[in-house]
Amino acid sequence: MHATTPEVSSTADREIIITRVFNAPRERVFKAWTDPKHVDRWWGPRGFTNQTFEMDVRPGGVWRYMMHSAEHGNYPNRIVYLEVVKPERLVYDHDADDGNPPHFRVTVTFADKGQKTELTMRSVFPTAAARDKVIREHGAIEGGNQTLDRLGEWLETA
């Protein structure tokens, strides 16, 4: 009899993980992430503004918004929520609202650390080449870090 080794797959070569600890309870961080009154004020890299057209945070719900930069132009975005566990976890597909398949899947976890929150944003791309392209051409890692910087600043002032 032969033992069967379960097949293990890894997404490490096609993912981006950014983690940050915020000085705010997770309910507040989750709300800042899921309420257009808040998210439009901080979402995206520095120099970008946002306009939310719709935001329905439930499985199957959609967040459709436009990111705008005076330097780079307009970027239509669509997020389709797959999983929503308040205030712990969001899973969604992110695309450009152009009818093409999702660009990547994101899992955001909000871990309770007393009066602080550890947020982990894990983006998984279809291929390593797709991940490398957004890093190289769109500065995805720096943009993700700037986005979380802006969230931290918003939480300090709002």
C-alpha atoms as a PDB file:
ATOM      1  CA  MET A   1       0.000   0.000   0.000  1.00  0.00           C
ATOM      2  CA  HIS A   2       1.328   3.391  -0.954  1.00  0.00           C
ATOM      3  CA  ALA A   3       0.737   6.433   1.144  1.00  0.00           C
ATOM      4  CA  THR A   4      -0.756   9.293  -0.759  1.00  0.00           C
ATOM      5  CA  THR A   5       0.888  12.639  -0.353  1.00  0.00           C
ATOM      6  CA  PRO A   6      -1.635  15.451  -0.591  1.00  0.00           C
ATOM      7  CA  GLU A   7      -0.917  17.899  -3.352  1.00  0.00           C
ATOM      8  CA  VAL A   8       0.158  21.209  -1.944  1.00  0.00           C
ATOM      9  CA  SER A   9       0.043  24.347  -3.991  1.00  0.00           C
ATOM     10  CA  SER A  10       1.563  27.682  -3.157  1.00  0.00           C
ATOM     11  CA  THR A  11       0.655  31.134  -4.327  1.00  0.00           C
ATOM     12  CA  ALA A  12       3.810  32.747  -2.936  1.00  0.00           C
ATOM     13  CA  ASP A  13       5.180  33.532  -6.398  1.00  0.00           C
ATOM     14  CA  ARG A  14       2.008  35.364  -7.437  1.00  0.00           C
ATOM     15  CA  GLU A  15       0.919  37.246  -4.338  1.00  0.00           C
ATOM     16  CA  ILE A  16       1.555  40.536  -2.573  1.00  0.00           C
ATOM     17  CA  ILE A  17       1.085  40.677   1.199  1.00  0.00           C
ATOM     18  CA  ILE A  18       1.088  43.938   3.122  1.00  0.00           C
ATOM     19  CA  THR A  19       0.567  44.031   6.880  1.00  0.00           C
ATOM     20  CA  ARG A  20       0.112  47.007   9.173  1.00  0.00           C
ATOM     21  CA  VAL A  21      -0.877  47.592  12.811  1.00  0.00           C
ATOM     22  CA  PHE A  22      -3.245  50.516  13.385  1.00  0.00           C
ATOM     23  CA  ASN A  23      -3.822  52.320  16.643  1.00  0.00           C
ATOM     24  CA  ALA A  24      -7.601  51.784  16.489  1.00  0.00           C
ATOM     25  CA  PRO A  25     -10.031  48.974  17.379  1.00  0.00           C
ATOM     26  CA  ARG A  26     -10.823  46.628  14.522  1.00  0.00           C
ATOM     27  CA  GLU A  27     -14.505  47.665  14.320  1.00  0.00           C
ATOM     28  CA  ARG A  28     -13.335  51.183  13.490  1.00  0.00           C
ATOM     29  CA  VAL A  29     -10.749  49.980  10.957  1.00  0.00           C
ATOM     30  CA  PHE A  30     -13.320  47.676   9.335  1.00  0.00           C
ATOM     31  CA  LYS A  31     -15.816  50.545   9.092  1.00  0.00           C
ATOM     32  CA  ALA A  32     -13.190  52.824   7.537  1.00  0.00           C
ATOM     33  CA  TRP A  33     -12.628  50.093   4.907  1.00  0.00           C
ATOM     34  CA  THR A  34     -16.306  49.430   4.175  1.00  0.00           C
ATOM     35  CA  ASP A  35     -18.125  52.774   4.462  1.00  0.00           C
ATOM     36  CA  PRO A  36     -17.931  55.151   1.464  1.00  0.00           C
ATOM     37  CA  LYS A  37     -18.090  58.158   3.809  1.00  0.00           C
ATOM     38  CA  HIS A  38     -14.676  57.063   5.053  1.00  0.00           C
ATOM     39  CA  VAL A  39     -13.034  55.031   2.289  1.00  0.00           C
ATOM     40  CA  ASP A  40     -13.338  57.795  -0.315  1.00  0.00           C
ATOM     41  CA  ARG A  41     -11.206  59.993   1.950  1.00  0.00           C
ATOM     42  CA  TRP A  42      -8.139  57.731   2.155  1.00  0.00           C
ATOM     43  CA  TRP A  43      -8.261  54.916  -0.451  1.00  0.00           C
ATOM     44  CA  GLY A  44      -5.429  54.653  -2.945  1.00  0.00           C
ATOM     45  CA  PRO A  45      -1.847  55.848  -3.308  1.00  0.00           C
ATOM     46  CA  ARG A  46      -0.892  59.442  -2.497  1.00  0.00           C
ATOM     47  CA  GLY A  47      -2.110  61.913  -5.083  1.00  0.00           C
ATOM     48  CA  PHE A  48      -5.296  59.983  -5.872  1.00  0.00           C
ATOM     49  CA  THR A  49      -8.885  60.889  -5.050  1.00  0.00           C
ATOM     50  CA  ASN A  50     -11.907  58.602  -5.218  1.00  0.00           C
ATOM     51  CA  GLN A  51     -15.567  58.719  -6.068  1.00  0.00           C
ATOM     52  CA  THR A  52     -17.726  55.780  -5.046  1.00  0.00           C
ATOM     53  CA  PHE A  53     -20.702  55.126  -7.324  1.00  0.00           C
ATOM     54  CA  GLU A  54     -22.026  52.146  -5.355  1.00  0.00           C
ATOM     55  CA  MET A  55     -20.839  50.093  -2.385  1.00  0.00           C
ATOM     56  CA  ASP A  56     -22.788  47.043  -1.232  1.00  0.00           C
ATOM     57  CA  VAL A  57     -20.635  45.164   1.288  1.00  0.00           C
ATOM     58  CA  ARG A  58     -22.153  41.675   1.318  1.00  0.00           C
ATOM     59  CA  PRO A  59     -21.343  38.470  -0.578  1.00  0.00           C
ATOM     60  CA  GLY A  60     -22.214  39.167  -4.225  1.00  0.00           C
ATOM     61  CA  GLY A  61     -22.308  42.921  -3.561  1.00  0.00           C
ATOM     62  CA  VAL A  62     -20.258  45.377  -5.591  1.00  0.00           C
ATOM     63  CA  TRP A  63     -18.104  48.402  -4.862  1.00  0.00           C
ATOM     64  CA  ARG A  64     -17.742  50.467  -8.029  1.00  0.00           C
ATOM     65  CA  TYR A  65     -15.567  53.555  -7.884  1.00  0.00           C
ATOM     66  CA  MET A  66     -13.296  55.853  -9.876  1.00  0.00           C
ATOM     67  CA  MET A  67      -9.766  56.613  -8.773  1.00  0.00           C
ATOM     68  CA  HIS A  68      -8.473  59.890 -10.139  1.00  0.00           C
ATOM     69  CA  SER A  69      -5.011  61.392 -10.332  1.00  0.00           C
ATOM     70  CA  ALA A  70      -4.239  64.760 -11.914  1.00  0.00           C
ATOM     71  CA  GLU A  71      -0.967  63.239 -13.109  1.00  0.00           C
ATOM     72  CA  HIS A  72      -2.166  59.795 -14.234  1.00  0.00           C
ATOM     73  CA  GLY A  73      -5.858  60.207 -15.129  1.00  0.00           C
ATOM     74  CA  ASN A  74      -8.921  58.154 -14.232  1.00  0.00           C
ATOM     75  CA  TYR A  75      -9.039  54.492 -13.240  1.00  0.00           C
ATOM     76  CA  PRO A  76     -12.438  52.787 -13.067  1.00  0.00           C
ATOM     77  CA  ASN A  77     -12.480  49.982 -10.480  1.00  0.00           C
ATOM     78  CA  ARG A  78     -14.916  47.275  -9.466  1.00  0.00           C
ATOM     79  CA  ILE A  79     -14.775  45.012  -6.457  1.00  0.00           C
ATOM     80  CA  VAL A  80     -17.112  42.041  -6.104  1.00  0.00           C
ATOM     81  CA  TYR A  81     -17.365  40.794  -2.522  1.00  0.00           C
ATOM     82  CA  LEU A  82     -17.110  37.037  -2.101  1.00  0.00           C
ATOM     83  CA  GLU A  83     -16.971  36.821   1.695  1.00  0.00           C
ATOM     84  CA  VAL A  84     -17.821  39.361   4.396  1.00  0.00           C
ATOM     85  CA  VAL A  85     -17.296  38.533   8.073  1.00  0.00           C
ATOM     86  CA  LYS A  86     -17.727  41.733  10.097  1.00  0.00           C
ATOM     87  CA  PRO A  87     -15.329  42.950  11.507  1.00  0.00           C
ATOM     88  CA  GLU A  88     -12.833  40.178  10.768  1.00  0.00           C
ATOM     89  CA  ARG A  89     -12.461  39.420   7.097  1.00  0.00           C
ATOM     90  CA  LEU A  90     -13.202  40.505   3.536  1.00  0.00           C
ATOM     91  CA  VAL A  91     -12.567  38.480   0.391  1.00  0.00           C
ATOM     92  CA  TYR A  92     -13.147  40.113  -2.968  1.00  0.00           C
ATOM     93  CA  ASP A  93     -12.233  40.064  -6.633  1.00  0.00           C
ATOM     94  CA  HIS A  94     -10.810  43.300  -8.009  1.00  0.00           C
ATOM     95  CA  ASP A  95     -10.990  44.336 -11.657  1.00  0.00           C
ATOM     96  CA  ALA A  96     -11.096  47.411 -13.831  1.00  0.00           C
ATOM     97  CA  ASP A  97     -14.880  47.325 -14.451  1.00  0.00           C
ATOM     98  CA  ASP A  98     -14.246  46.664 -18.130  1.00  0.00           C
ATOM     99  CA  GLY A  99     -15.836  43.227 -18.494  1.00  0.00           C
ATOM    100  CA  ASN A 100     -12.546  41.362 -18.353  1.00  0.00           C
ATOM    101  CA  PRO A 101     -11.880  38.627 -15.772  1.00  0.00           C
ATOM    102  CA  PRO A 102     -10.788  39.740 -12.276  1.00  0.00           C
ATOM    103  CA  HIS A 103      -7.250  41.049 -12.122  1.00  0.00           C
ATOM    104  CA  PHE A 104      -6.672  39.633  -8.646  1.00  0.00           C
ATOM    105  CA  ARG A 105      -8.336  38.306  -5.492  1.00  0.00           C
ATOM    106  CA  VAL A 106      -7.838  40.096  -2.194  1.00  0.00           C
ATOM    107  CA  THR A 107      -8.253  38.780   1.342  1.00  0.00           C
ATOM    108  CA  VAL A 108      -8.195  41.428   4.056  1.00  0.00           C
ATOM    109  CA  THR A 109      -8.084  40.299   7.681  1.00  0.00           C
ATOM    110  CA  PHE A 110      -8.626  42.541  10.687  1.00  0.00           C
ATOM    111  CA  ALA A 111      -7.044  40.922  13.774  1.00  0.00           C
ATOM    112  CA  ASP A 112      -7.997  42.255  17.188  1.00  0.00           C
ATOM    113  CA  LYS A 113      -4.927  43.336  19.186  1.00  0.00           C
ATOM    114  CA  GLY A 114      -6.678  44.974  22.143  1.00  0.00           C
ATOM    115  CA  GLN A 115      -7.131  48.643  21.216  1.00  0.00           C
ATOM    116  CA  LYS A 116      -5.079  48.074  18.057  1.00  0.00           C
ATOM    117  CA  THR A 117      -5.776  46.204  14.835  1.00  0.00           C
ATOM    118  CA  GLU A 118      -3.396  44.160  12.732  1.00  0.00           C
ATOM    119  CA  LEU A 119      -4.552  44.401   9.127  1.00  0.00           C
ATOM    120  CA  THR A 120      -3.228  42.002   6.493  1.00  0.00           C
ATOM    121  CA  MET A 121      -4.027  42.558   2.824  1.00  0.00           C
ATOM    122  CA  ARG A 122      -3.157  39.558   0.654  1.00  0.00           C
ATOM    123  CA  SER A 123      -3.581  40.000  -3.107  1.00  0.00           C
ATOM    124  CA  VAL A 124      -3.281  36.888  -5.283  1.00  0.00           C
ATOM    125  CA  PHE A 125      -2.804  37.268  -9.039  1.00  0.00           C
ATOM    126  CA  PRO A 126      -3.567  34.668 -11.734  1.00  0.00           C
ATOM    127  CA  THR A 127       0.130  34.295 -12.583  1.00  0.00           C
ATOM    128  CA  ALA A 128       3.527  35.387 -11.293  1.00  0.00           C
ATOM    129  CA  ALA A 129       3.931  37.404 -14.508  1.00  0.00           C
ATOM    130  CA  ALA A 130       0.683  39.307 -13.789  1.00  0.00           C
ATOM    131  CA  ARG A 131       1.897  40.107 -10.263  1.00  0.00           C
ATOM    132  CA  ASP A 132       5.314  41.175 -11.505  1.00  0.00           C
ATOM    133  CA  LYS A 133       3.708  43.428 -14.124  1.00  0.00           C
ATOM    134  CA  VAL A 134       1.630  45.391 -11.573  1.00  0.00           C
ATOM    135  CA  ILE A 135       4.698  45.743  -9.353  1.00  0.00           C
ATOM    136  CA  ARG A 136       6.879  46.930 -12.231  1.00  0.00           C
ATOM    137  CA  GLU A 137       4.403  49.052 -14.209  1.00  0.00           C
ATOM    138  CA  HIS A 138       2.029  50.311 -11.519  1.00  0.00           C
ATOM    139  CA  GLY A 139       4.141  50.314  -8.352  1.00  0.00           C
ATOM    140  CA  ALA A 140       1.697  47.982  -6.608  1.00  0.00           C
ATOM    141  CA  ILE A 141       3.786  47.437  -3.480  1.00  0.00           C
ATOM    142  CA  GLU A 142       4.554  51.120  -2.961  1.00  0.00           C
ATOM    143  CA  GLY A 143       0.942  51.996  -3.806  1.00  0.00           C
ATOM    144  CA  GLY A 144      -0.355  49.449  -1.295  1.00  0.00           C
ATOM    145  CA  ASN A 145       1.923  50.826   1.389  1.00  0.00           C
ATOM    146  CA  GLN A 146       0.853  54.400   0.616  1.00  0.00           C
ATOM    147  CA  THR A 147      -2.794  53.314   0.784  1.00  0.00           C
ATOM    148  CA  LEU A 148      -2.298  51.838   4.251  1.00  0.00           C
ATOM    149  CA  ASP A 149      -0.324  54.933   5.284  1.00  0.00           C
ATOM    150  CA  ARG A 150      -3.323  57.045   4.280  1.00  0.00           C
ATOM    151  CA  LEU A 151      -5.691  54.747   6.204  1.00  0.00           C
ATOM    152  CA  GLY A 152      -3.535  55.187   9.315  1.00  0.00           C
ATOM    153  CA  GLU A 153      -3.568  58.960   8.886  1.00  0.00           C
ATOM    154  CA  TRP A 154      -7.341  58.923   8.416  1.00  0.00           C
ATOM    155  CA  LEU A 155      -7.839  56.857  11.558  1.00  0.00           C
ATOM    156  CA  GLU A 156      -5.722  59.343  13.518  1.00  0.00           C
ATOM    157  CA  THR A 157      -7.794  62.335  12.396  1.00  0.00           C
ATOM    158  CA  ALA A 158     -11.359  61.113  11.757  1.00  0.00           C
END
